PDB file of all heavy atoms in Angstrom:
ATOM      1  N   PRO A   1     114.966 -36.083  18.938  1.00  0.00           N
ATOM      2  CA  PRO A   1     114.080 -36.437  17.764  1.00  0.00           C
ATOM      3  C   PRO A   1     112.679 -36.777  18.174  1.00  0.00           C
ATOM      4  O   PRO A   1     111.758 -36.867  17.315  1.00  0.00           O
ATOM      5  CB  PRO A   1     114.728 -37.606  17.073  1.00  0.00           C
ATOM      6  CG  PRO A   1     115.524 -38.268  18.152  1.00  0.00           C
ATOM      7  CD  PRO A   1     115.988 -37.133  19.043  1.00  0.00           C
ATOM      8  N   ARG A   2     112.424 -36.969  19.396  1.00  0.00           N
ATOM      9  CA  ARG A   2     111.090 -37.356  19.852  1.00  0.00           C
ATOM     10  C   ARG A   2     110.180 -36.064  19.986  1.00  0.00           C
ATOM     11  O   ARG A   2     108.994 -36.218  20.111  1.00  0.00           O
ATOM     12  CB  ARG A   2     111.112 -37.999  21.243  1.00  0.00           C
ATOM     13  CG  ARG A   2     111.844 -39.382  21.215  1.00  0.00           C
ATOM     14  CD  ARG A   2     111.910 -39.950  22.616  1.00  0.00           C
ATOM     15  NE  ARG A   2     112.735 -39.112  23.447  1.00  0.00           N
ATOM     16  CZ  ARG A   2     112.728 -39.138  24.813  1.00  0.00           C
ATOM     17  NH1 ARG A   2     112.053 -40.051  25.429  1.00  0.00           N
ATOM     18  NH2 ARG A   2     113.466 -38.315  25.497  1.00  0.00           N
ATOM     19  N   LEU A   3     110.770 -34.880  19.834  1.00  0.00           N
ATOM     20  CA  LEU A   3     109.912 -33.659  19.934  1.00  0.00           C
ATOM     21  C   LEU A   3     109.422 -33.323  18.587  1.00  0.00           C
ATOM     22  O   LEU A   3     110.133 -33.390  17.525  1.00  0.00           O
ATOM     23  CB  LEU A   3     110.810 -32.560  20.373  1.00  0.00           C
ATOM     24  CG  LEU A   3     110.126 -31.080  20.387  1.00  0.00           C
ATOM     25  CD1 LEU A   3     108.957 -31.061  21.287  1.00  0.00           C
ATOM     26  CD2 LEU A   3     111.126 -29.986  20.675  1.00  0.00           C
ATOM     27  N   ARG A   4     108.144 -33.025  18.454  1.00  0.00           N
ATOM     28  CA  ARG A   4     107.457 -32.587  17.231  1.00  0.00           C
ATOM     29  C   ARG A   4     106.861 -31.238  17.398  1.00  0.00           C
ATOM     30  O   ARG A   4     105.872 -31.114  18.202  1.00  0.00           O
ATOM     31  CB  ARG A   4     106.395 -33.671  16.862  1.00  0.00           C
ATOM     32  CG  ARG A   4     105.504 -33.330  15.658  1.00  0.00           C
ATOM     33  CD  ARG A   4     106.104 -33.828  14.430  1.00  0.00           C
ATOM     34  NE  ARG A   4     105.122 -34.152  13.441  1.00  0.00           N
ATOM     35  CZ  ARG A   4     104.476 -33.264  12.695  1.00  0.00           C
ATOM     36  NH1 ARG A   4     104.810 -31.963  12.889  1.00  0.00           N
ATOM     37  NH2 ARG A   4     103.624 -33.637  11.837  1.00  0.00           N
ATOM     38  N   LEU A   5     107.475 -30.233  16.916  1.00  0.00           N
ATOM     39  CA  LEU A   5     107.002 -28.881  16.959  1.00  0.00           C
ATOM     40  C   LEU A   5     105.861 -28.640  15.942  1.00  0.00           C
ATOM     41  O   LEU A   5     106.156 -28.839  14.699  1.00  0.00           O
ATOM     42  CB  LEU A   5     108.117 -27.799  16.931  1.00  0.00           C
ATOM     43  CG  LEU A   5     109.136 -27.822  17.999  1.00  0.00           C
ATOM     44  CD1 LEU A   5     110.233 -26.825  17.678  1.00  0.00           C
ATOM     45  CD2 LEU A   5     108.467 -27.514  19.356  1.00  0.00           C
ATOM     46  N   VAL A   6     104.680 -28.321  16.364  1.00  0.00           N
ATOM     47  CA  VAL A   6     103.545 -28.100  15.395  1.00  0.00           C
ATOM     48  C   VAL A   6     103.175 -26.605  15.410  1.00  0.00           C
ATOM     49  O   VAL A   6     102.806 -26.048  16.382  1.00  0.00           O
ATOM     50  CB  VAL A   6     102.370 -28.937  15.820  1.00  0.00           C
ATOM     51  CG1 VAL A   6     101.168 -28.751  14.872  1.00  0.00           C
ATOM     52  CG2 VAL A   6     102.746 -30.430  15.970  1.00  0.00           C
ATOM     53  N   ILE A   7     103.411 -26.002  14.274  1.00  0.00           N
ATOM     54  CA  ILE A   7     103.102 -24.516  14.104  1.00  0.00           C
ATOM     55  C   ILE A   7     101.697 -24.379  13.685  1.00  0.00           C
ATOM     56  O   ILE A   7     101.200 -24.887  12.678  1.00  0.00           O
ATOM     57  CB  ILE A   7     103.987 -23.860  13.077  1.00  0.00           C
ATOM     58  CG1 ILE A   7     105.511 -24.125  13.414  1.00  0.00           C
ATOM     59  CG2 ILE A   7     103.793 -22.373  13.104  1.00  0.00           C
ATOM     60  CD1 ILE A   7     105.945 -23.711  14.757  1.00  0.00           C
ATOM     61  N   HIS A   8     100.919 -23.679  14.547  1.00  0.00           N
ATOM     62  CA  HIS A   8      99.492 -23.473  14.218  1.00  0.00           C
ATOM     63  C   HIS A   8      99.353 -22.539  13.003  1.00  0.00           C
ATOM     64  O   HIS A   8     100.113 -21.543  12.880  1.00  0.00           O
ATOM     65  CB  HIS A   8      98.753 -22.785  15.383  1.00  0.00           C
ATOM     66  CG  HIS A   8      97.313 -23.093  15.466  1.00  0.00           C
ATOM     67  ND1 HIS A   8      96.520 -23.070  14.365  1.00  0.00           N
ATOM     68  CD2 HIS A   8      96.429 -23.462  16.485  1.00  0.00           C
ATOM     69  CE1 HIS A   8      95.272 -23.385  14.661  1.00  0.00           C
ATOM     70  NE2 HIS A   8      95.249 -23.645  15.958  1.00  0.00           N
ATOM     71  N   ASN A   9      98.412 -22.810  12.100  1.00  0.00           N
ATOM     72  CA  ASN A   9      98.270 -22.057  10.834  1.00  0.00           C
ATOM     73  C   ASN A   9      97.341 -20.769  11.120  1.00  0.00           C
ATOM     74  O   ASN A   9      96.833 -20.313  10.151  1.00  0.00           O
ATOM     75  CB  ASN A   9      97.687 -22.884   9.803  1.00  0.00           C
ATOM     76  CG  ASN A   9      96.367 -23.539  10.156  1.00  0.00           C
ATOM     77  OD1 ASN A   9      95.901 -23.357  11.239  1.00  0.00           O
ATOM     78  ND2 ASN A   9      95.747 -24.230   9.243  1.00  0.00           N
ATOM     79  N   ARG A  10      97.290 -20.359  12.314  1.00  0.00           N
ATOM     80  CA  ARG A  10      96.579 -19.095  12.577  1.00  0.00           C
ATOM     81  C   ARG A  10      97.219 -18.392  13.764  1.00  0.00           C
ATOM     82  O   ARG A  10      98.014 -19.040  14.515  1.00  0.00           O
ATOM     83  CB  ARG A  10      95.085 -19.339  12.938  1.00  0.00           C
ATOM     84  CG  ARG A  10      94.835 -20.029  14.326  1.00  0.00           C
ATOM     85  CD  ARG A  10      93.433 -20.157  14.636  1.00  0.00           C
ATOM     86  NE  ARG A  10      92.729 -20.970  13.717  1.00  0.00           N
ATOM     87  CZ  ARG A  10      91.440 -21.203  13.776  1.00  0.00           C
ATOM     88  NH1 ARG A  10      90.670 -20.673  14.678  1.00  0.00           N
ATOM     89  NH2 ARG A  10      90.840 -22.001  12.863  1.00  0.00           N
ATOM     90  N   ASN A  11      96.941 -17.096  13.884  1.00  0.00           N
ATOM     91  CA  ASN A  11      97.578 -16.244  14.908  1.00  0.00           C
ATOM     92  C   ASN A  11      96.887 -16.584  16.254  1.00  0.00           C
ATOM     93  O   ASN A  11      95.780 -16.928  16.304  1.00  0.00           O
ATOM     94  CB  ASN A  11      97.446 -14.753  14.668  1.00  0.00           C
ATOM     95  CG  ASN A  11      98.326 -14.337  13.457  1.00  0.00           C
ATOM     96  OD1 ASN A  11      99.306 -14.996  13.172  1.00  0.00           O
ATOM     97  ND2 ASN A  11      97.934 -13.288  12.794  1.00  0.00           N
ATOM     98  N   GLY A  12      97.712 -16.586  17.285  1.00  0.00           N
ATOM     99  CA  GLY A  12      97.165 -16.720  18.631  1.00  0.00           C
ATOM    100  C   GLY A  12      96.857 -15.386  19.281  1.00  0.00           C
ATOM    101  O   GLY A  12      97.260 -14.360  18.784  1.00  0.00           O
ATOM    102  N   PRO A  13      96.137 -15.446  20.442  1.00  0.00           N
ATOM    103  CA  PRO A  13      95.739 -16.719  21.106  1.00  0.00           C
ATOM    104  C   PRO A  13      94.337 -17.196  20.563  1.00  0.00           C
ATOM    105  O   PRO A  13      93.609 -16.413  20.045  1.00  0.00           O
ATOM    106  CB  PRO A  13      95.621 -16.308  22.537  1.00  0.00           C
ATOM    107  CG  PRO A  13      95.240 -14.858  22.455  1.00  0.00           C
ATOM    108  CD  PRO A  13      95.950 -14.246  21.238  1.00  0.00           C
ATOM    109  N   SER A  14      94.160 -18.467  20.729  1.00  0.00           N
ATOM    110  CA  SER A  14      92.844 -19.048  20.491  1.00  0.00           C
ATOM    111  C   SER A  14      92.492 -19.982  21.743  1.00  0.00           C
ATOM    112  O   SER A  14      93.241 -19.876  22.780  1.00  0.00           O
ATOM    113  CB  SER A  14      92.777 -19.864  19.256  1.00  0.00           C
ATOM    114  OG  SER A  14      93.639 -20.989  19.296  1.00  0.00           O
ATOM    115  N   THR A  15      91.501 -20.771  21.633  1.00  0.00           N
ATOM    116  CA  THR A  15      91.231 -21.651  22.710  1.00  0.00           C
ATOM    117  C   THR A  15      92.185 -22.762  22.872  1.00  0.00           C
ATOM    118  O   THR A  15      92.828 -23.224  21.770  1.00  0.00           O
ATOM    119  CB  THR A  15      89.804 -22.216  22.638  1.00  0.00           C
ATOM    120  OG1 THR A  15      89.737 -22.997  21.491  1.00  0.00           O
ATOM    121  CG2 THR A  15      88.786 -21.048  22.563  1.00  0.00           C
ATOM    122  N   LYS A  16      92.287 -23.338  24.082  1.00  0.00           N
ATOM    123  CA  LYS A  16      93.216 -24.558  24.193  1.00  0.00           C
ATOM    124  C   LYS A  16      92.687 -25.702  23.324  1.00  0.00           C
ATOM    125  O   LYS A  16      93.554 -26.495  22.698  1.00  0.00           O
ATOM    126  CB  LYS A  16      93.302 -24.929  25.634  1.00  0.00           C
ATOM    127  CG  LYS A  16      94.124 -26.123  25.849  1.00  0.00           C
ATOM    128  CD  LYS A  16      94.288 -26.493  27.357  1.00  0.00           C
ATOM    129  CE  LYS A  16      95.078 -25.444  28.111  1.00  0.00           C
ATOM    130  NZ  LYS A  16      95.366 -25.829  29.499  1.00  0.00           N
ATOM    131  N   ALA A  17      91.363 -25.846  23.218  1.00  0.00           N
ATOM    132  CA  ALA A  17      90.776 -26.837  22.442  1.00  0.00           C
ATOM    133  C   ALA A  17      91.259 -26.705  20.898  1.00  0.00           C
ATOM    134  O   ALA A  17      91.518 -27.623  20.231  1.00  0.00           O
ATOM    135  CB  ALA A  17      89.265 -26.902  22.489  1.00  0.00           C
ATOM    136  N   ASP A  18      91.249 -25.457  20.440  1.00  0.00           N
ATOM    137  CA  ASP A  18      91.727 -25.228  19.065  1.00  0.00           C
ATOM    138  C   ASP A  18      93.126 -25.658  18.824  1.00  0.00           C
ATOM    139  O   ASP A  18      93.416 -26.324  17.824  1.00  0.00           O
ATOM    140  CB  ASP A  18      91.502 -23.710  18.678  1.00  0.00           C
ATOM    141  CG  ASP A  18      92.092 -23.366  17.420  1.00  0.00           C
ATOM    142  OD1 ASP A  18      91.601 -23.975  16.383  1.00  0.00           O
ATOM    143  OD2 ASP A  18      92.953 -22.569  17.284  1.00  0.00           O
ATOM    144  N   CYS A  19      94.013 -25.415  19.743  1.00  0.00           N
ATOM    145  CA  CYS A  19      95.333 -25.813  19.674  1.00  0.00           C
ATOM    146  C   CYS A  19      95.549 -27.352  19.740  1.00  0.00           C
ATOM    147  O   CYS A  19      96.311 -27.899  19.035  1.00  0.00           O
ATOM    148  CB  CYS A  19      96.224 -25.060  20.728  1.00  0.00           C
ATOM    149  SG  CYS A  19      98.016 -25.285  20.455  1.00  0.00           S
ATOM    150  N   LEU A  20      94.742 -27.910  20.632  1.00  0.00           N
ATOM    151  CA  LEU A  20      94.712 -29.412  20.792  1.00  0.00           C
ATOM    152  C   LEU A  20      94.308 -30.036  19.481  1.00  0.00           C
ATOM    153  O   LEU A  20      94.788 -31.124  19.079  1.00  0.00           O
ATOM    154  CB  LEU A  20      93.917 -29.809  21.929  1.00  0.00           C
ATOM    155  CG  LEU A  20      94.544 -29.500  23.313  1.00  0.00           C
ATOM    156  CD1 LEU A  20      93.485 -29.821  24.431  1.00  0.00           C
ATOM    157  CD2 LEU A  20      95.810 -30.316  23.531  1.00  0.00           C
ATOM    158  N   ASN A  21      93.287 -29.498  18.828  1.00  0.00           N
ATOM    159  CA  ASN A  21      92.767 -29.964  17.542  1.00  0.00           C
ATOM    160  C   ASN A  21      93.912 -29.941  16.518  1.00  0.00           C
ATOM    161  O   ASN A  21      94.022 -30.967  15.677  1.00  0.00           O
ATOM    162  CB  ASN A  21      91.634 -29.209  17.018  1.00  0.00           C
ATOM    163  CG  ASN A  21      90.360 -29.527  17.883  1.00  0.00           C
ATOM    164  OD1 ASN A  21      90.208 -30.502  18.409  1.00  0.00           O
ATOM    165  ND2 ASN A  21      89.393 -28.627  17.861  1.00  0.00           N
ATOM    166  N   ARG A  22      94.709 -28.907  16.466  1.00  0.00           N
ATOM    167  CA  ARG A  22      95.816 -28.837  15.552  1.00  0.00           C
ATOM    168  C   ARG A  22      96.833 -29.935  15.851  1.00  0.00           C
ATOM    169  O   ARG A  22      97.419 -30.597  14.916  1.00  0.00           O
ATOM    170  CB  ARG A  22      96.468 -27.434  15.597  1.00  0.00           C
ATOM    171  CG  ARG A  22      97.610 -27.243  14.636  1.00  0.00           C
ATOM    172  CD  ARG A  22      97.189 -27.402  13.195  1.00  0.00           C
ATOM    173  NE  ARG A  22      98.417 -27.353  12.278  1.00  0.00           N
ATOM    174  CZ  ARG A  22      99.039 -28.395  11.915  1.00  0.00           C
ATOM    175  NH1 ARG A  22      98.606 -29.607  12.306  1.00  0.00           N
ATOM    176  NH2 ARG A  22     100.088 -28.350  11.047  1.00  0.00           N
ATOM    177  N   LEU A  23      97.117 -30.166  17.097  1.00  0.00           N
ATOM    178  CA  LEU A  23      98.023 -31.170  17.487  1.00  0.00           C
ATOM    179  C   LEU A  23      97.515 -32.602  17.102  1.00  0.00           C
ATOM    180  O   LEU A  23      98.257 -33.497  16.623  1.00  0.00           O
ATOM    181  CB  LEU A  23      98.269 -31.174  19.014  1.00  0.00           C
ATOM    182  CG  LEU A  23      99.034 -29.995  19.464  1.00  0.00           C
ATOM    183  CD1 LEU A  23      99.214 -30.034  21.015  1.00  0.00           C
ATOM    184  CD2 LEU A  23     100.439 -29.756  18.828  1.00  0.00           C
ATOM    185  N   TYR A  24      96.206 -32.828  17.224  1.00  0.00           N
ATOM    186  CA  TYR A  24      95.608 -34.055  16.916  1.00  0.00           C
ATOM    187  C   TYR A  24      95.745 -34.369  15.375  1.00  0.00           C
ATOM    188  O   TYR A  24      95.991 -35.464  14.915  1.00  0.00           O
ATOM    189  CB  TYR A  24      94.152 -34.057  17.292  1.00  0.00           C
ATOM    190  CG  TYR A  24      93.456 -35.376  16.985  1.00  0.00           C
ATOM    191  CD1 TYR A  24      93.678 -36.532  17.760  1.00  0.00           C
ATOM    192  CD2 TYR A  24      92.550 -35.487  15.905  1.00  0.00           C
ATOM    193  CE1 TYR A  24      93.013 -37.707  17.510  1.00  0.00           C
ATOM    194  CE2 TYR A  24      91.888 -36.743  15.645  1.00  0.00           C
ATOM    195  CZ  TYR A  24      92.167 -37.784  16.429  1.00  0.00           C
ATOM    196  OH  TYR A  24      91.494 -38.951  16.118  1.00  0.00           O
ATOM    197  N   GLU A  25      95.550 -33.234  14.555  1.00  0.00           N
ATOM    198  CA  GLU A  25      95.707 -33.412  13.103  1.00  0.00           C
ATOM    199  C   GLU A  25      97.119 -33.815  12.757  1.00  0.00           C
ATOM    200  O   GLU A  25      97.349 -34.609  11.905  1.00  0.00           O
ATOM    201  CB  GLU A  25      95.358 -32.040  12.413  1.00  0.00           C
ATOM    202  CG  GLU A  25      93.875 -31.715  12.526  1.00  0.00           C
ATOM    203  CD  GLU A  25      93.615 -30.266  11.976  1.00  0.00           C
ATOM    204  OE1 GLU A  25      94.595 -29.614  11.569  1.00  0.00           O
ATOM    205  OE2 GLU A  25      92.539 -29.880  11.946  1.00  0.00           O
ATOM    206  N   ALA A  26      98.125 -33.148  13.465  1.00  0.00           N
ATOM    207  CA  ALA A  26      99.487 -33.472  13.194  1.00  0.00           C
ATOM    208  C   ALA A  26      99.792 -34.995  13.556  1.00  0.00           C
ATOM    209  O   ALA A  26     100.532 -35.777  12.888  1.00  0.00           O
ATOM    210  CB  ALA A  26     100.384 -32.579  13.998  1.00  0.00           C
ATOM    211  N   MET A  27      99.207 -35.430  14.657  1.00  0.00           N
ATOM    212  CA  MET A  27      99.446 -36.866  15.173  1.00  0.00           C
ATOM    213  C   MET A  27      98.764 -37.815  14.067  1.00  0.00           C
ATOM    214  O   MET A  27      99.350 -38.863  13.658  1.00  0.00           O
ATOM    215  CB  MET A  27      98.754 -37.119  16.452  1.00  0.00           C
ATOM    216  CG  MET A  27      99.028 -38.458  16.997  1.00  0.00           C
ATOM    217  SD  MET A  27      97.955 -38.868  18.445  1.00  0.00           S
ATOM    218  CE  MET A  27      96.338 -39.123  17.474  1.00  0.00           C
ATOM    219  N   CYS A  28      97.604 -37.514  13.632  1.00  0.00           N
ATOM    220  CA  CYS A  28      96.941 -38.339  12.609  1.00  0.00           C
ATOM    221  C   CYS A  28      97.789 -38.384  11.306  1.00  0.00           C
ATOM    222  O   CYS A  28      97.913 -39.450  10.693  1.00  0.00           O
ATOM    223  CB  CYS A  28      95.512 -37.861  12.272  1.00  0.00           C
ATOM    224  SG  CYS A  28      94.403 -38.046  13.666  1.00  0.00           S
ATOM    225  N   ALA A  29      98.370 -37.251  10.924  1.00  0.00           N
ATOM    226  CA  ALA A  29      99.202 -37.247   9.740  1.00  0.00           C
ATOM    227  C   ALA A  29     100.463 -38.173  10.020  1.00  0.00           C
ATOM    228  O   ALA A  29     100.832 -38.779   9.017  1.00  0.00           O
ATOM    229  CB  ALA A  29      99.633 -35.826   9.423  1.00  0.00           C
TER     230      ALA A  29
END
């Protein structure tokens, strides 16, 4: 249960920073 899979709302690939921003949004939520 400690795993949190976060599906990006856009097709890849993009930059690593873009994916990290999506993960940060999930953490804030």
